[in-house]
Amino acid sequence: MSTPIQTGVDIFFLICYSALLWWLWRLSCAESRQSDVTSLQGISLTLVILSVSDVLLDTTRYGQFDSLLNTLSAGMGVVYIVGACLVALFVLLNKSDRQRSQALQNNNLLLKQEVERRQAVEKKLRQVSDSLENEVAQRTRELEDIKDRLEQEVLATEQANKRMTSIFDAAPNGMLVVNKEGVITQANSMVASIFRCAVDDLIGQSVERLVPNEIRHQHVTDRQEFQEKPAKRKMGARRDLFGARFDGSYVPLEVGLHPVALDGGTEIVAAVVDISERKAYEKRIHERNEALETSNRELQEFAFIASHDLREPLRKIISFSTLLQEGEYGEFNEEGKVFSGYIVNAAQRMRDLLTDLLAYSRVTSKANPFKNVQMNPLVEEVLDDLQLVIEETQAHIDVAALPDAVADQVQLRQLFQNLIGNSLKYHDADRPPRISISGSEDDYFVRYEVSDNGIGFNQQYSEQVFEIFKRLHDKQSFSGTGMGLAICRKIVQRHGGTIVASSTENVGTTMYIELSKQVVSNE
């Protein structure tokens, strides 16, 4: 074979052996049997090296070494043939093995994927199981908490029921519970004592059993109407209401109804009060009031008769005693003059006393109807009447803007005349009187103040000064009967108000008057 042809053949084998070596390397990467692949890789690498050497020998032949090189070339050919046979044998023997290996690899891959899938499913199942266990544990704890709360609520409800039952039984008033059919479902011992029976006798009875026979039919209708529109209601406060006892007697009652809405319908809780004692007390009070009214009328008649019938004899005593003192009918000695003076003074005081008594009795008996009174003009009229005293004492009187009042004008004029007159009478001799009159009002009352700088009095006597015939000063220093402030208080009380005195000795006195704006009785 010529050298170029042989060189080409060697290059061809070199390419084949190189391709074989590359394929074996890929096979080793494919995880085939590692020992066989490694051996074939060594053989293939040897064949590649020999092929390279053969190519070099073919291209560098020398004349004197041709025989030797031919021998080597022949040996390499043998080696090529052996290597090719080994490779062919390996390929033939391992073809089925590689197929089985590939199948095993595929099966292993599928098995690995199945294992991974099952592991993932098991992991998810474990997570779900753990989550369920946590939820079950949490739900169990919640149920236990709910159970504990329910037990506590049941216990609290039982205690509340016991407490309410105890309160119900211990209530000072009679207590009944009536269902929507009008049947008594609960009662306490107090209501049983009111109707003179046992508690068990009331349970299950119709509430009409406790109503007098003559109004039972109407009571059924009233109860049904009340069930349709239940509301809190007090019965027996303004009219006579009686209950029928089990012994057949009637008892006066006051009944308070309180509806309670329940799932089964509205129940009525009734508070029952026996007002027998109150009725008897009211009767006694009424009888006493009638007796007092009779006594007051008699006293007023007596005061009128006494003041009216006695004034004429007193007038005669005063007139004839004065004539005797003038000496026209004879002269008295010094003692006679003194004694006759006593008679005249006593008769004059008695006349004044009778006049004041008549005025006191007429505060209510001869009263005028109430009407709107303008106070500033009224006070000005009083000051005009007292003008002479004001000038004699050199008094200074300040009158502020006064609120009007709904009152008896004549009596209010008498009230302020007495108060201002007292301030002028009881003034300090060392200083001229100063009197201040002011007022205010709100939604319910009108208020007036009369202040002075007079001699005053000890505050401990602030109530006594309003008593009849009560005097704090001697008759020689200050004239009067001790009725003025008593008349003032009676006038104020008739107008639904109060009068209070505040005083300090040698400083002055303030009278506080408060009159109600509400309509009061004129009787």
Protein backbone atom coordinates (compact mmCIF):
# COMPACT_ATOMS: atom_id res chain seq x y z
CA MET A 1 0.00 0.00 0.00
CA SER A 2 1.45 3.35 -0.88
CA THR A 3 2.31 5.68 1.81
CA PRO A 4 -0.45 8.28 1.17
CA ILE A 5 -3.13 5.64 1.14
CA GLN A 6 -1.82 4.03 4.26
CA THR A 7 -1.56 7.40 5.95
CA GLY A 8 -5.18 8.12 5.04
CA VAL A 9 -6.25 4.76 6.44
CA ASP A 10 -4.34 5.49 9.65
CA ILE A 11 -5.96 8.90 9.91
CA PHE A 12 -9.36 7.25 9.38
CA PHE A 13 -8.67 4.80 12.20
CA LEU A 14 -7.43 7.71 14.34
CA ILE A 15 -10.72 9.49 13.84
CA CYS A 16 -12.66 6.31 14.62
CA TYR A 17 -10.66 5.64 17.76
CA SER A 18 -11.09 9.27 18.85
CA ALA A 19 -14.84 9.03 18.29
CA LEU A 20 -14.84 5.77 20.28
CA LEU A 21 -12.96 7.48 23.08
CA TRP A 22 -15.52 10.36 23.12
CA TRP A 23 -18.42 7.91 23.14
CA LEU A 24 -16.89 5.96 26.01
CA TRP A 25 -16.47 9.22 27.94
CA ARG A 26 -20.16 10.00 27.40
CA LEU A 27 -21.00 6.46 28.48
CA SER A 28 -19.07 6.88 31.69
CA CYS A 29 -21.00 10.08 32.35
CA ALA A 30 -24.24 8.11 31.79
CA GLU A 31 -23.41 6.01 34.89
CA SER A 32 -22.91 2.65 33.10
CA ARG A 33 -20.72 -0.03 34.63
CA GLN A 34 -17.72 2.02 35.59
CA SER A 35 -15.06 -0.76 35.51
CA ASP A 36 -15.80 -1.84 31.92
CA VAL A 37 -16.00 1.69 30.66
CA THR A 38 -12.70 2.57 32.29
CA SER A 39 -11.01 -0.42 30.65
CA LEU A 40 -12.37 0.43 27.24
CA GLN A 41 -11.33 4.04 27.74
CA GLY A 42 -7.77 2.84 28.39
CA ILE A 43 -7.83 0.60 25.28
CA SER A 44 -9.30 3.41 23.19
CA LEU A 45 -6.71 5.86 24.46
CA THR A 46 -3.97 3.36 23.63
CA LEU A 47 -5.39 2.89 20.15
CA VAL A 48 -5.50 6.66 19.65
CA ILE A 49 -1.86 6.95 20.71
CA LEU A 50 -0.88 4.07 18.41
CA SER A 51 -2.81 5.65 15.53
CA VAL A 52 -1.02 8.93 16.06
CA SER A 53 2.30 7.06 16.15
CA ASP A 54 1.42 5.12 12.98
CA VAL A 55 0.56 8.32 11.17
CA LEU A 56 3.83 9.83 12.23
CA LEU A 57 5.72 6.74 11.13
CA ASP A 58 4.07 6.74 7.75
CA THR A 59 4.97 10.33 7.16
CA THR A 60 8.59 10.03 8.38
CA ARG A 61 9.90 6.85 6.84
CA TYR A 62 13.65 6.67 6.34
CA GLY A 63 15.36 4.40 3.83
CA GLN A 64 17.52 2.49 6.23
CA PHE A 65 14.62 1.97 8.66
CA ASP A 66 11.91 0.96 6.25
CA SER A 67 12.02 -2.66 7.17
CA LEU A 68 11.82 -1.89 10.85
CA LEU A 69 9.03 0.58 10.37
CA ASN A 70 7.09 -1.84 8.24
CA THR A 71 7.44 -4.41 10.96
CA LEU A 72 6.13 -1.87 13.51
CA SER A 73 3.38 -0.85 11.16
CA ALA A 74 2.40 -4.49 10.73
CA GLY A 75 2.42 -4.91 14.53
CA MET A 76 0.25 -1.86 14.92
CA GLY A 77 -2.13 -3.28 12.34
CA VAL A 78 -2.44 -6.38 14.44
CA VAL A 79 -3.04 -4.22 17.46
CA TYR A 80 -5.67 -2.25 15.51
CA ILE A 81 -7.40 -5.46 14.59
CA VAL A 82 -7.28 -6.76 18.18
CA GLY A 83 -8.49 -3.41 19.54
CA ALA A 84 -11.28 -3.23 16.99
CA CYS A 85 -12.32 -6.76 17.85
CA LEU A 86 -12.31 -5.98 21.57
CA VAL A 87 -14.37 -2.89 21.01
CA ALA A 88 -16.77 -4.70 18.76
CA LEU A 89 -17.03 -7.54 21.27
CA PHE A 90 -17.65 -5.03 24.08
CA VAL A 91 -20.32 -3.27 22.08
CA LEU A 92 -22.04 -6.56 21.20
CA LEU A 93 -21.84 -7.95 24.71
CA ASN A 94 -22.91 -4.77 26.45
CA LYS A 95 -25.70 -3.67 24.11
CA SER A 96 -28.36 -5.62 25.99
CA ASP A 97 -26.73 -4.74 29.28
CA ARG A 98 -26.93 -1.08 28.41
CA GLN A 99 -30.57 -1.51 27.47
CA ARG A 100 -31.28 -3.21 30.80
CA SER A 101 -29.27 -0.51 32.54
CA GLN A 102 -31.27 2.18 30.78
CA ALA A 103 -34.51 0.47 31.73
CA LEU A 104 -33.28 0.18 35.29
CA GLN A 105 -32.31 3.82 35.25
CA ASN A 106 -35.74 4.74 33.93
CA ASN A 107 -37.37 2.52 36.53
CA ASN A 108 -35.12 3.97 39.22
CA LEU A 109 -36.04 7.45 38.06
CA LEU A 110 -39.74 6.61 38.14
CA LEU A 111 -39.31 4.93 41.50
CA LYS A 112 -37.39 7.93 42.80
CA GLN A 113 -40.13 10.26 41.53
CA GLU A 114 -42.79 8.04 43.15
CA VAL A 115 -40.83 7.98 46.39
CA GLU A 116 -40.46 11.76 46.29
CA ARG A 117 -44.16 12.13 45.51
CA ARG A 118 -45.09 9.80 48.34
CA GLN A 119 -42.70 11.62 50.65
CA ALA A 120 -44.31 14.91 49.64
CA VAL A 121 -47.77 13.43 50.20
CA GLU A 122 -46.68 12.01 53.55
CA LYS A 123 -45.18 15.38 54.47
CA LYS A 124 -48.41 17.12 53.50
CA LEU A 125 -50.39 14.51 55.37
CA ARG A 126 -48.18 15.02 58.42
CA GLN A 127 -48.72 18.79 58.12
CA VAL A 128 -52.46 18.31 57.73
CA SER A 129 -52.44 15.85 60.62
CA ASP A 130 -50.44 18.27 62.78
CA SER A 131 -52.78 21.11 61.78
CA LEU A 132 -55.81 18.98 62.58
CA GLU A 133 -54.31 17.95 65.89
CA ASN A 134 -53.61 21.62 66.69
CA GLU A 135 -57.12 22.61 65.64
CA VAL A 136 -58.58 19.75 67.64
CA ALA A 137 -56.46 20.71 70.64
CA GLN A 138 -57.41 24.37 70.27
CA ARG A 139 -61.06 23.52 69.75
CA THR A 140 -60.88 21.22 72.75
CA ARG A 141 -59.44 24.05 74.84
CA GLU A 142 -62.13 26.41 73.53
CA LEU A 143 -64.83 23.88 74.33
CA GLU A 144 -63.36 23.41 77.78
CA ASP A 145 -63.32 27.19 78.26
CA ILE A 146 -66.92 27.38 76.99
CA LYS A 147 -67.84 24.55 79.32
CA ASP A 148 -66.20 26.35 82.25
CA ARG A 149 -67.97 29.58 81.37
CA LEU A 150 -71.29 27.78 80.98
CA GLU A 151 -70.78 26.09 84.32
CA GLN A 152 -69.97 29.45 85.88
CA GLU A 153 -72.99 31.03 84.19
CA VAL A 154 -75.21 28.17 85.32
CA LEU A 155 -73.83 28.54 88.82
CA ALA A 156 -74.28 32.31 88.72
CA THR A 157 -77.81 31.84 87.35
CA GLU A 158 -78.62 29.39 90.10
CA GLN A 159 -77.23 31.78 92.70
CA ALA A 160 -79.11 34.69 91.12
CA ASN A 161 -82.31 32.62 91.12
CA LYS A 162 -81.76 31.75 94.76
CA ARG A 163 -81.01 35.37 95.53
CA MET A 164 -84.06 36.60 93.63
CA THR A 165 -86.22 33.95 95.27
CA SER A 166 -84.88 35.01 98.65
CA ILE A 167 -85.52 38.68 97.85
CA PHE A 168 -88.94 37.78 96.46
CA ASP A 169 -89.84 35.90 99.63
CA ALA A 170 -88.33 38.52 101.95
CA ALA A 171 -89.92 41.52 100.19
CA PRO A 172 -91.83 43.76 102.64
CA ASN A 173 -94.71 43.93 100.15
CA GLY A 174 -96.79 41.11 98.80
CA MET A 175 -95.43 39.78 95.49
CA LEU A 176 -97.28 37.80 92.79
CA VAL A 177 -96.20 36.48 89.38
CA VAL A 178 -99.05 35.94 86.90
CA ASN A 179 -98.57 34.31 83.48
CA LYS A 180 -100.29 35.33 80.27
CA GLU A 181 -103.26 33.04 81.04
CA GLY A 182 -103.85 34.87 84.30
CA VAL A 183 -102.61 32.01 86.50
CA ILE A 184 -100.51 32.71 89.58
CA THR A 185 -97.14 30.97 89.18
CA GLN A 186 -95.27 32.42 92.16
CA ALA A 187 -96.18 34.15 95.43
CA ASN A 188 -94.43 35.13 98.64
CA SER A 189 -95.49 34.76 102.25
CA MET A 190 -96.40 38.44 102.60
CA VAL A 191 -99.09 38.30 99.90
CA ALA A 192 -100.35 35.06 101.42
CA SER A 193 -100.74 36.82 104.78
CA ILE A 194 -102.57 39.70 103.07
CA PHE A 195 -105.14 37.32 101.57
CA ARG A 196 -105.13 35.10 104.70
CA CYS A 197 -104.07 31.86 103.07
CA ALA A 198 -100.99 29.71 102.49
CA VAL A 199 -98.56 30.26 99.61
CA ASP A 200 -99.48 26.88 98.09
CA ASP A 201 -103.13 27.92 98.07
CA LEU A 202 -102.25 30.75 95.67
CA ILE A 203 -100.03 28.81 93.23
CA GLY A 204 -102.07 27.66 90.25
CA GLN A 205 -105.06 29.84 91.10
CA SER A 206 -106.51 32.34 88.64
CA VAL A 207 -105.71 35.90 89.64
CA GLU A 208 -109.44 36.66 89.43
CA ARG A 209 -109.78 34.59 92.60
CA LEU A 210 -108.32 37.60 94.45
CA VAL A 211 -110.74 40.09 92.87
CA PRO A 212 -114.16 40.90 94.42
CA ASN A 213 -117.04 39.01 92.78
CA GLU A 214 -118.76 42.08 91.44
CA ILE A 215 -115.81 43.14 89.25
CA ARG A 216 -114.25 39.78 88.28
CA HIS A 217 -115.80 39.74 84.81
CA GLN A 218 -114.53 43.24 84.09
CA HIS A 219 -111.12 42.32 85.50
CA VAL A 220 -110.73 39.56 82.90
CA THR A 221 -111.27 42.11 80.13
CA ASP A 222 -108.92 44.63 81.76
CA ARG A 223 -106.23 41.97 82.18
CA GLN A 224 -106.44 40.90 78.54
CA GLU A 225 -106.20 44.50 77.37
CA PHE A 226 -103.19 45.00 79.62
CA GLN A 227 -101.54 41.87 78.16
CA GLU A 228 -101.92 43.34 74.67
CA LYS A 229 -100.22 46.61 75.67
CA PRO A 230 -98.23 45.88 78.84
CA ALA A 231 -96.64 48.79 80.69
CA LYS A 232 -95.70 49.70 84.25
CA ARG A 233 -98.77 50.77 86.12
CA LYS A 234 -99.74 51.67 89.65
CA MET A 235 -103.28 50.75 90.70
CA GLY A 236 -105.30 51.95 93.65
CA ALA A 237 -103.42 55.24 94.17
CA ARG A 238 -106.35 57.48 93.18
CA ARG A 239 -109.33 55.23 93.70
CA ASP A 240 -110.42 52.56 96.12
CA LEU A 241 -109.12 49.12 95.14
CA PHE A 242 -110.03 46.04 97.13
CA GLY A 243 -108.88 42.43 97.13
CA ALA A 244 -110.97 39.38 98.08
CA ARG A 245 -109.44 37.37 100.91
CA PHE A 246 -109.88 33.64 101.21
CA ASP A 247 -112.05 34.14 104.29
CA GLY A 248 -114.49 36.27 102.25
CA SER A 249 -113.48 39.69 103.59
CA TYR A 250 -112.21 42.56 101.48
CA VAL A 251 -108.92 44.37 102.00
CA PRO A 252 -107.96 47.78 100.56
CA LEU A 253 -104.90 47.49 98.33
CA GLU A 254 -102.40 49.31 96.21
CA VAL A 255 -101.05 47.22 93.33
CA GLY A 256 -98.05 47.95 91.13
CA LEU A 257 -97.83 46.03 87.84
CA HIS A 258 -94.52 45.36 86.11
CA PRO A 259 -94.53 43.34 82.84
CA VAL A 260 -91.64 40.98 82.12
CA ALA A 261 -91.19 39.84 78.49
CA LEU A 262 -90.23 36.13 78.24
CA ASP A 263 -89.98 33.65 75.36
CA GLY A 264 -93.20 31.97 76.43
CA GLY A 265 -95.09 35.25 76.68
CA THR A 266 -95.31 38.27 78.97
CA GLU A 267 -95.58 37.63 82.69
CA ILE A 268 -96.80 40.23 85.16
CA VAL A 269 -95.05 40.84 88.46
CA ALA A 270 -97.51 42.46 90.86
CA ALA A 271 -96.51 44.22 94.07
CA VAL A 272 -99.42 44.17 96.50
CA VAL A 273 -99.59 46.49 99.52
CA ASP A 274 -102.17 46.24 102.27
CA ILE A 275 -103.21 49.83 102.97
CA SER A 276 -105.71 49.07 105.70
CA GLU A 277 -103.68 50.93 108.31
CA ARG A 278 -103.11 53.82 105.92
CA LYS A 279 -106.81 54.06 105.19
CA ALA A 280 -107.58 54.04 108.91
CA TYR A 281 -104.89 56.66 109.48
CA GLU A 282 -106.23 58.80 106.63
CA LYS A 283 -109.68 58.51 108.12
CA ARG A 284 -108.39 59.63 111.49
CA ILE A 285 -106.50 62.49 109.85
CA HIS A 286 -109.62 63.49 107.94
CA GLU A 287 -111.66 63.45 111.12
CA ARG A 288 -109.02 65.47 112.94
CA ASN A 289 -108.83 67.95 110.07
CA GLU A 290 -112.56 68.38 110.17
CA ALA A 291 -112.35 68.88 113.92
CA LEU A 292 -109.51 71.39 113.45
CA GLU A 293 -111.46 73.22 110.78
CA THR A 294 -114.42 73.39 113.10
CA SER A 295 -112.17 74.59 115.91
CA ASN A 296 -110.54 77.17 113.64
CA ARG A 297 -113.90 78.47 112.54
CA GLU A 298 -114.98 78.70 116.15
CA LEU A 299 -111.73 80.45 117.06
CA GLN A 300 -112.13 82.85 114.17
CA GLU A 301 -115.68 83.54 115.20
CA PHE A 302 -114.53 83.99 118.78
CA ALA A 303 -111.70 86.30 117.70
CA PHE A 304 -114.09 88.31 115.56
CA ILE A 305 -116.68 88.49 118.36
CA ALA A 306 -114.06 89.29 120.95
CA SER A 307 -112.39 91.96 118.84
CA HIS A 308 -115.68 93.40 117.63
CA ASP A 309 -117.79 93.21 120.81
CA LEU A 310 -114.99 94.16 123.20
CA ARG A 311 -113.82 97.19 121.27
CA GLU A 312 -116.98 99.13 122.12
CA PRO A 313 -116.61 98.68 125.91
CA LEU A 314 -112.92 99.51 125.61
CA ARG A 315 -113.74 102.61 123.64
CA LYS A 316 -116.06 103.71 126.41
CA ILE A 317 -113.46 102.95 129.09
CA ILE A 318 -110.87 104.98 127.22
CA SER A 319 -113.29 107.87 126.52
CA PHE A 320 -114.67 108.19 130.06
CA SER A 321 -111.26 107.68 131.66
CA THR A 322 -109.90 110.48 129.48
CA LEU A 323 -112.81 112.73 130.53
CA LEU A 324 -112.12 112.01 134.20
CA GLN A 325 -108.45 112.89 133.69
CA GLU A 326 -109.43 116.27 132.21
CA GLY A 327 -110.92 117.32 135.59
CA GLU A 328 -114.35 118.42 134.40
CA TYR A 329 -116.03 115.96 136.77
CA GLY A 330 -113.76 116.42 139.73
CA GLU A 331 -110.09 116.44 140.50
CA PHE A 332 -108.02 113.33 141.29
CA ASN A 333 -105.15 113.39 143.65
CA GLU A 334 -101.75 112.31 142.34
CA GLU A 335 -102.38 108.64 142.93
CA GLY A 336 -105.78 108.87 141.22
CA LYS A 337 -104.19 110.46 138.18
CA VAL A 338 -101.60 107.69 138.02
CA PHE A 339 -104.22 104.97 138.39
CA SER A 340 -106.49 106.52 135.76
CA GLY A 341 -103.47 106.69 133.44
CA TYR A 342 -102.93 102.97 133.99
CA ILE A 343 -106.58 102.34 133.06
CA VAL A 344 -106.28 104.34 129.82
CA ASN A 345 -102.96 102.71 128.78
CA ALA A 346 -104.23 99.23 129.55
CA ALA A 347 -107.43 99.83 127.60
CA GLN A 348 -105.48 101.22 124.63
CA ARG A 349 -103.12 98.19 124.62
CA MET A 350 -106.08 95.87 124.81
CA ARG A 351 -107.71 97.70 121.90
CA ASP A 352 -104.51 97.32 119.84
CA LEU A 353 -104.26 93.68 120.82
CA LEU A 354 -107.83 92.99 119.73
CA THR A 355 -107.18 94.77 116.44
CA ASP A 356 -104.10 92.62 115.80
CA LEU A 357 -105.97 89.45 116.74
CA LEU A 358 -108.68 90.33 114.28
CA ALA A 359 -106.08 90.98 111.58
CA TYR A 360 -104.34 87.64 112.34
CA SER A 361 -107.62 85.68 112.13
CA ARG A 362 -108.56 87.37 108.87
CA VAL A 363 -105.36 86.34 107.02
CA THR A 364 -107.21 83.27 105.73
CA SER A 365 -110.85 83.91 106.56
CA LYS A 366 -111.08 87.32 104.86
CA ALA A 367 -108.46 86.76 102.18
CA ASN A 368 -108.66 88.09 98.65
CA PRO A 369 -107.99 86.06 95.45
CA PHE A 370 -104.47 86.06 94.06
CA LYS A 371 -103.58 88.25 91.11
CA ASN A 372 -100.47 89.76 89.56
CA VAL A 373 -99.08 92.43 91.90
CA GLN A 374 -96.55 95.06 90.81
CA MET A 375 -94.28 95.26 93.82
CA ASN A 376 -92.50 98.59 93.32
CA PRO A 377 -95.74 100.64 93.20
CA LEU A 378 -97.02 98.67 96.21
CA VAL A 379 -93.90 99.48 98.26
CA GLU A 380 -94.17 103.13 97.24
CA GLU A 381 -97.72 103.21 98.62
CA VAL A 382 -96.48 101.70 101.90
CA LEU A 383 -93.75 104.36 102.13
CA ASP A 384 -96.35 107.07 101.54
CA ASP A 385 -98.39 105.72 104.46
CA LEU A 386 -95.27 105.76 106.66
CA GLN A 387 -94.12 109.18 105.49
CA LEU A 388 -94.53 110.89 108.89
CA VAL A 389 -92.49 108.23 110.72
CA ILE A 390 -89.85 108.33 107.99
CA GLU A 391 -89.51 112.10 108.37
CA GLU A 392 -89.45 111.93 112.17
CA THR A 393 -86.65 109.34 112.21
CA GLN A 394 -84.84 110.89 109.21
CA ALA A 395 -84.74 107.42 107.65
CA HIS A 396 -83.08 106.71 104.29
CA ILE A 397 -84.79 103.94 102.29
CA ASP A 398 -83.39 102.36 99.11
CA VAL A 399 -85.78 100.35 96.95
CA ALA A 400 -84.32 98.28 94.10
CA ALA A 401 -86.24 96.90 91.13
CA LEU A 402 -88.52 94.24 92.60
CA PRO A 403 -89.97 91.25 90.72
CA ASP A 404 -93.74 91.11 90.51
CA ALA A 405 -95.67 88.44 92.40
CA VAL A 406 -98.96 86.57 92.02
CA ALA A 407 -100.46 87.20 95.43
CA ASP A 408 -103.08 88.83 97.61
CA GLN A 409 -102.26 92.51 97.14
CA VAL A 410 -103.80 93.64 100.44
CA GLN A 411 -101.85 91.07 102.43
CA LEU A 412 -98.56 91.81 100.69
CA ARG A 413 -99.07 95.46 101.47
CA GLN A 414 -99.68 94.56 105.11
CA LEU A 415 -96.56 92.35 105.04
CA PHE A 416 -94.23 95.09 103.83
CA GLN A 417 -95.86 97.71 106.05
CA ASN A 418 -95.16 95.56 109.12
CA LEU A 419 -91.55 94.82 108.09
CA ILE A 420 -90.67 98.43 107.17
CA GLY A 421 -92.52 99.68 110.24
CA ASN A 422 -90.46 97.36 112.47
CA SER A 423 -87.24 98.63 110.88
CA LEU A 424 -88.32 102.21 111.62
CA LYS A 425 -89.48 101.37 115.14
CA TYR A 426 -86.43 99.38 116.25
CA HIS A 427 -83.79 101.82 114.96
CA ASP A 428 -80.65 102.75 116.84
CA ALA A 429 -81.03 106.08 118.62
CA ASP A 430 -77.45 107.05 117.75
CA ARG A 431 -77.85 106.79 113.96
CA PRO A 432 -80.67 107.40 111.50
CA PRO A 433 -82.32 104.29 110.05
CA ARG A 434 -81.12 102.96 106.69
CA ILE A 435 -83.44 100.44 105.07
CA SER A 436 -82.71 98.51 101.87
CA ILE A 437 -85.38 96.60 99.93
CA SER A 438 -84.32 94.28 97.06
CA GLY A 439 -85.57 91.21 95.25
CA SER A 440 -84.84 88.41 92.76
CA GLU A 441 -86.63 85.51 91.09
CA ASP A 442 -86.18 82.17 89.32
CA ASP A 443 -88.52 79.69 87.65
CA TYR A 444 -90.15 78.67 90.93
CA PHE A 445 -89.88 81.49 93.49
CA VAL A 446 -89.75 85.26 93.93
CA ARG A 447 -87.53 86.49 96.76
CA TYR A 448 -87.43 89.77 98.67
CA GLU A 449 -85.04 91.14 101.29
CA VAL A 450 -85.71 93.92 103.79
CA SER A 451 -82.50 94.97 105.59
CA ASP A 452 -81.92 97.66 108.20
CA ASN A 453 -79.20 98.96 110.51
CA GLY A 454 -81.33 98.87 113.64
CA ILE A 455 -80.70 97.48 117.10
CA GLY A 456 -81.08 93.89 115.94
CA PHE A 457 -81.40 90.91 118.27
CA ASN A 458 -79.59 87.72 119.21
CA GLN A 459 -79.83 85.15 116.40
CA GLN A 460 -80.98 82.48 118.85
CA TYR A 461 -84.36 84.25 118.94
CA SER A 462 -84.79 84.18 115.14
CA GLU A 463 -87.76 81.79 115.40
CA GLN A 464 -89.33 83.18 118.55
CA VAL A 465 -89.85 86.60 116.97
CA PHE A 466 -92.55 85.04 114.74
CA GLU A 467 -94.54 83.63 117.65
CA ILE A 468 -97.79 85.25 118.79
CA PHE A 469 -97.35 87.84 121.56
CA LYS A 470 -93.56 87.24 121.58
CA ARG A 471 -91.62 90.41 122.41
CA LEU A 472 -87.89 90.80 122.85
CA HIS A 473 -88.03 94.32 124.28
CA ASP A 474 -89.94 95.92 127.11
CA LYS A 475 -93.21 97.76 126.54
CA GLN A 476 -91.87 101.05 127.89
CA SER A 477 -89.06 101.23 125.28
CA PHE A 478 -91.04 100.00 122.27
CA SER A 479 -94.80 99.86 121.86
CA GLY A 480 -96.64 96.98 120.24
CA THR A 481 -98.50 93.74 120.92
CA GLY A 482 -95.98 91.19 119.56
CA MET A 483 -98.34 90.16 116.73
CA GLY A 484 -96.71 91.92 113.75
CA LEU A 485 -94.22 89.26 112.69
CA ALA A 486 -96.69 86.44 113.48
CA ILE A 487 -99.10 88.05 111.01
CA CYS A 488 -96.22 88.36 108.49
CA ARG A 489 -95.38 84.66 108.72
CA LYS A 490 -99.04 83.65 108.35
CA ILE A 491 -99.34 85.81 105.23
CA VAL A 492 -96.18 84.29 103.72
CA GLN A 493 -97.32 80.75 104.52
CA ARG A 494 -100.64 81.39 102.81
CA HIS A 495 -98.65 82.27 99.69
CA GLY A 496 -96.74 78.97 99.84
CA GLY A 497 -93.52 80.64 100.99
CA THR A 498 -91.19 81.14 103.91
CA ILE A 499 -89.87 84.07 105.93
CA VAL A 500 -86.57 83.92 107.80
CA ALA A 501 -84.91 86.50 110.07
CA SER A 502 -81.15 87.04 110.23
CA SER A 503 -79.95 89.54 112.83
CA THR A 504 -76.93 90.75 114.80
CA GLU A 505 -77.26 92.84 117.92
CA ASN A 506 -76.42 96.54 117.37
CA VAL A 507 -75.74 95.85 113.68
CA GLY A 508 -79.10 95.27 112.06
CA THR A 509 -81.65 92.77 110.80
CA THR A 510 -82.48 91.25 107.41
CA MET A 511 -85.79 89.59 106.62
CA TYR A 512 -85.73 87.05 103.76
CA ILE A 513 -89.09 86.39 102.10
CA GLU A 514 -89.59 83.64 99.51
CA LEU A 515 -92.97 83.27 97.74
CA SER A 516 -93.92 80.38 95.46
CA LYS A 517 -94.79 81.09 91.84
CA GLN A 518 -97.04 78.07 91.70
CA VAL A 519 -100.77 78.47 92.09
CA VAL A 520 -101.69 77.95 95.72
CA SER A 521 -105.02 77.66 97.43
CA ASN A 522 -106.85 80.82 98.35
CA GLU A 523 -108.78 79.08 101.09
